[in-house]
Amino acid sequence: MSELTLQQLVEGLPKSLLNATDRDIEGFQKIIEETIKLREGHRNLQKMVKNFSLSTIQRT
């Protein structure tokens, strides 16, 4: 899975975002914050599964 660079992310933003209201921007910011939390949670879950798998293999 490839991750987007900041430039790719910005280039993908609609031009209407430049004219967005403060309320729109706040909503977008919340979406970004939750996306970051979700991504961090996914990474943590992957680490936990990997560690669990490794510890299970070592016990057998």
N, C-alpha and C. Protein backbone atom coordinates (compact mmCIF):
# COMPACT_ATOMS: atom_id res chain seq x y z
N MET A 1 0.86 -1.18 0.00
CA MET A 1 0.00 0.00 0.00
C MET A 1 0.89 1.24 0.00
N SER A 2 0.70 2.10 -0.98
CA SER A 2 1.53 3.31 -1.04
C SER A 2 0.84 4.44 -0.30
N GLU A 3 1.66 5.28 0.31
CA GLU A 3 1.13 6.43 1.03
C GLU A 3 1.30 7.67 0.17
N LEU A 4 0.34 8.57 0.25
CA LEU A 4 0.40 9.81 -0.51
C LEU A 4 1.39 10.77 0.11
N THR A 5 2.08 11.50 -0.73
CA THR A 5 2.92 12.58 -0.22
C THR A 5 2.01 13.77 0.07
N LEU A 6 2.51 14.72 0.82
CA LEU A 6 1.73 15.92 1.13
C LEU A 6 1.36 16.65 -0.15
N GLN A 7 2.28 16.71 -1.09
CA GLN A 7 2.00 17.39 -2.36
C GLN A 7 0.88 16.69 -3.12
N GLN A 8 0.90 15.36 -3.14
CA GLN A 8 -0.16 14.62 -3.83
C GLN A 8 -1.51 14.86 -3.16
N LEU A 9 -1.50 14.92 -1.85
CA LEU A 9 -2.73 15.16 -1.11
C LEU A 9 -3.30 16.53 -1.44
N VAL A 10 -2.42 17.55 -1.43
CA VAL A 10 -2.85 18.92 -1.71
C VAL A 10 -3.35 19.04 -3.15
N GLU A 11 -2.65 18.41 -4.08
CA GLU A 11 -3.06 18.49 -5.49
C GLU A 11 -4.42 17.84 -5.71
N GLY A 12 -4.77 16.89 -4.84
CA GLY A 12 -6.04 16.21 -4.97
C GLY A 12 -7.21 16.94 -4.34
N LEU A 13 -6.93 18.03 -3.63
CA LEU A 13 -8.00 18.79 -3.00
C LEU A 13 -8.79 19.57 -4.04
N PRO A 14 -10.09 19.59 -3.89
CA PRO A 14 -10.87 20.39 -4.84
C PRO A 14 -10.60 21.88 -4.66
N LYS A 15 -10.68 22.61 -5.76
CA LYS A 15 -10.44 24.06 -5.71
C LYS A 15 -11.47 24.77 -4.84
N SER A 16 -12.65 24.16 -4.70
CA SER A 16 -13.70 24.77 -3.88
C SER A 16 -13.28 24.86 -2.41
N LEU A 17 -12.31 24.06 -2.03
CA LEU A 17 -11.84 24.11 -0.64
C LEU A 17 -11.18 25.46 -0.34
N LEU A 18 -10.61 26.07 -1.35
CA LEU A 18 -9.99 27.39 -1.16
C LEU A 18 -11.02 28.45 -0.80
N ASN A 19 -12.25 28.25 -1.24
CA ASN A 19 -13.32 29.20 -0.96
C ASN A 19 -14.24 28.74 0.16
N ALA A 20 -13.83 27.71 0.89
CA ALA A 20 -14.67 27.13 1.94
C ALA A 20 -14.81 28.09 3.12
N THR A 21 -15.91 27.94 3.83
CA THR A 21 -16.13 28.73 5.05
C THR A 21 -15.32 28.15 6.19
N ASP A 22 -15.22 28.91 7.27
CA ASP A 22 -14.51 28.41 8.46
C ASP A 22 -15.15 27.12 8.95
N ARG A 23 -16.47 27.07 8.89
CA ARG A 23 -17.18 25.87 9.35
C ARG A 23 -16.82 24.66 8.47
N ASP A 24 -16.75 24.89 7.18
CA ASP A 24 -16.35 23.81 6.26
C ASP A 24 -14.94 23.32 6.57
N ILE A 25 -14.05 24.26 6.80
CA ILE A 25 -12.66 23.91 7.10
C ILE A 25 -12.56 23.14 8.41
N GLU A 26 -13.33 23.55 9.41
CA GLU A 26 -13.33 22.84 10.70
C GLU A 26 -13.81 21.40 10.51
N GLY A 27 -14.84 21.22 9.69
CA GLY A 27 -15.33 19.88 9.41
C GLY A 27 -14.29 19.03 8.70
N PHE A 28 -13.62 19.64 7.74
CA PHE A 28 -12.57 18.94 7.01
C PHE A 28 -11.42 18.58 7.94
N GLN A 29 -11.08 19.49 8.86
CA GLN A 29 -10.02 19.23 9.81
C GLN A 29 -10.37 18.05 10.71
N LYS A 30 -11.62 17.95 11.12
CA LYS A 30 -12.05 16.81 11.95
C LYS A 30 -11.92 15.50 11.19
N ILE A 31 -12.27 15.55 9.90
CA ILE A 31 -12.13 14.34 9.08
C ILE A 31 -10.67 13.92 9.00
N ILE A 32 -9.79 14.88 8.78
CA ILE A 32 -8.35 14.58 8.69
C ILE A 32 -7.84 14.01 10.02
N GLU A 33 -8.23 14.62 11.13
CA GLU A 33 -7.79 14.15 12.45
C GLU A 33 -8.25 12.71 12.70
N GLU A 34 -9.49 12.41 12.37
CA GLU A 34 -10.00 11.06 12.56
C GLU A 34 -9.32 10.07 11.62
N THR A 35 -8.99 10.53 10.41
CA THR A 35 -8.28 9.67 9.47
C THR A 35 -6.90 9.31 10.01
N ILE A 36 -6.23 10.29 10.61
CA ILE A 36 -4.91 10.04 11.19
C ILE A 36 -5.03 9.05 12.34
N LYS A 37 -6.04 9.22 13.20
CA LYS A 37 -6.25 8.28 14.31
C LYS A 37 -6.50 6.88 13.79
N LEU A 38 -7.32 6.78 12.74
CA LEU A 38 -7.63 5.49 12.16
C LEU A 38 -6.38 4.82 11.60
N ARG A 39 -5.56 5.61 10.92
CA ARG A 39 -4.33 5.06 10.34
C ARG A 39 -3.37 4.59 11.43
N GLU A 40 -3.25 5.39 12.49
CA GLU A 40 -2.38 4.98 13.60
C GLU A 40 -2.92 3.73 14.27
N GLY A 41 -4.24 3.65 14.42
CA GLY A 41 -4.85 2.47 15.01
C GLY A 41 -4.61 1.23 14.15
N HIS A 42 -4.69 1.40 12.85
CA HIS A 42 -4.45 0.29 11.93
C HIS A 42 -3.01 -0.20 12.05
N ARG A 43 -2.09 0.73 12.12
CA ARG A 43 -0.67 0.34 12.28
C ARG A 43 -0.45 -0.39 13.59
N ASN A 44 -1.07 0.12 14.66
CA ASN A 44 -0.93 -0.53 15.96
C ASN A 44 -1.53 -1.93 15.94
N LEU A 45 -2.66 -2.08 15.29
CA LEU A 45 -3.29 -3.39 15.17
C LEU A 45 -2.40 -4.36 14.40
N GLN A 46 -1.80 -3.87 13.31
CA GLN A 46 -0.89 -4.73 12.54
C GLN A 46 0.28 -5.20 13.40
N LYS A 47 0.84 -4.29 14.21
CA LYS A 47 1.96 -4.66 15.09
C LYS A 47 1.52 -5.69 16.12
N MET A 48 0.32 -5.50 16.69
CA MET A 48 -0.18 -6.43 17.69
C MET A 48 -0.40 -7.82 17.09
N VAL A 49 -0.96 -7.88 15.89
CA VAL A 49 -1.19 -9.16 15.23
C VAL A 49 0.14 -9.84 14.92
N LYS A 50 1.09 -9.06 14.44
CA LYS A 50 2.41 -9.62 14.12
C LYS A 50 3.08 -10.16 15.38
N ASN A 51 3.05 -9.38 16.46
CA ASN A 51 3.65 -9.83 17.71
C ASN A 51 2.95 -11.07 18.26
N PHE A 52 1.63 -11.10 18.15
CA PHE A 52 0.88 -12.26 18.61
C PHE A 52 1.24 -13.49 17.80
N SER A 53 1.33 -13.31 16.47
CA SER A 53 1.67 -14.42 15.60
C SER A 53 3.06 -14.94 15.92
N LEU A 54 4.00 -14.03 16.14
CA LEU A 54 5.37 -14.44 16.45
C LEU A 54 5.44 -15.18 17.79
N SER A 55 4.71 -14.69 18.79
CA SER A 55 4.74 -15.35 20.09
C SER A 55 4.06 -16.71 20.03
N THR A 56 3.03 -16.86 19.20
CA THR A 56 2.33 -18.14 19.05
C THR A 56 3.24 -19.13 18.36
N ILE A 57 3.95 -18.68 17.34
CA ILE A 57 4.87 -19.56 16.61
C ILE A 57 6.00 -20.02 17.53
N GLN A 58 6.50 -19.12 18.38
CA GLN A 58 7.60 -19.48 19.27
C GLN A 58 7.17 -20.52 20.32
N ARG A 59 5.87 -20.52 20.69
CA ARG A 59 5.39 -21.46 21.70
C ARG A 59 5.19 -22.85 21.13
N THR A 60 5.06 -22.96 19.80
CA THR A 60 4.79 -24.28 19.21
C THR A 60 6.05 -25.06 18.94
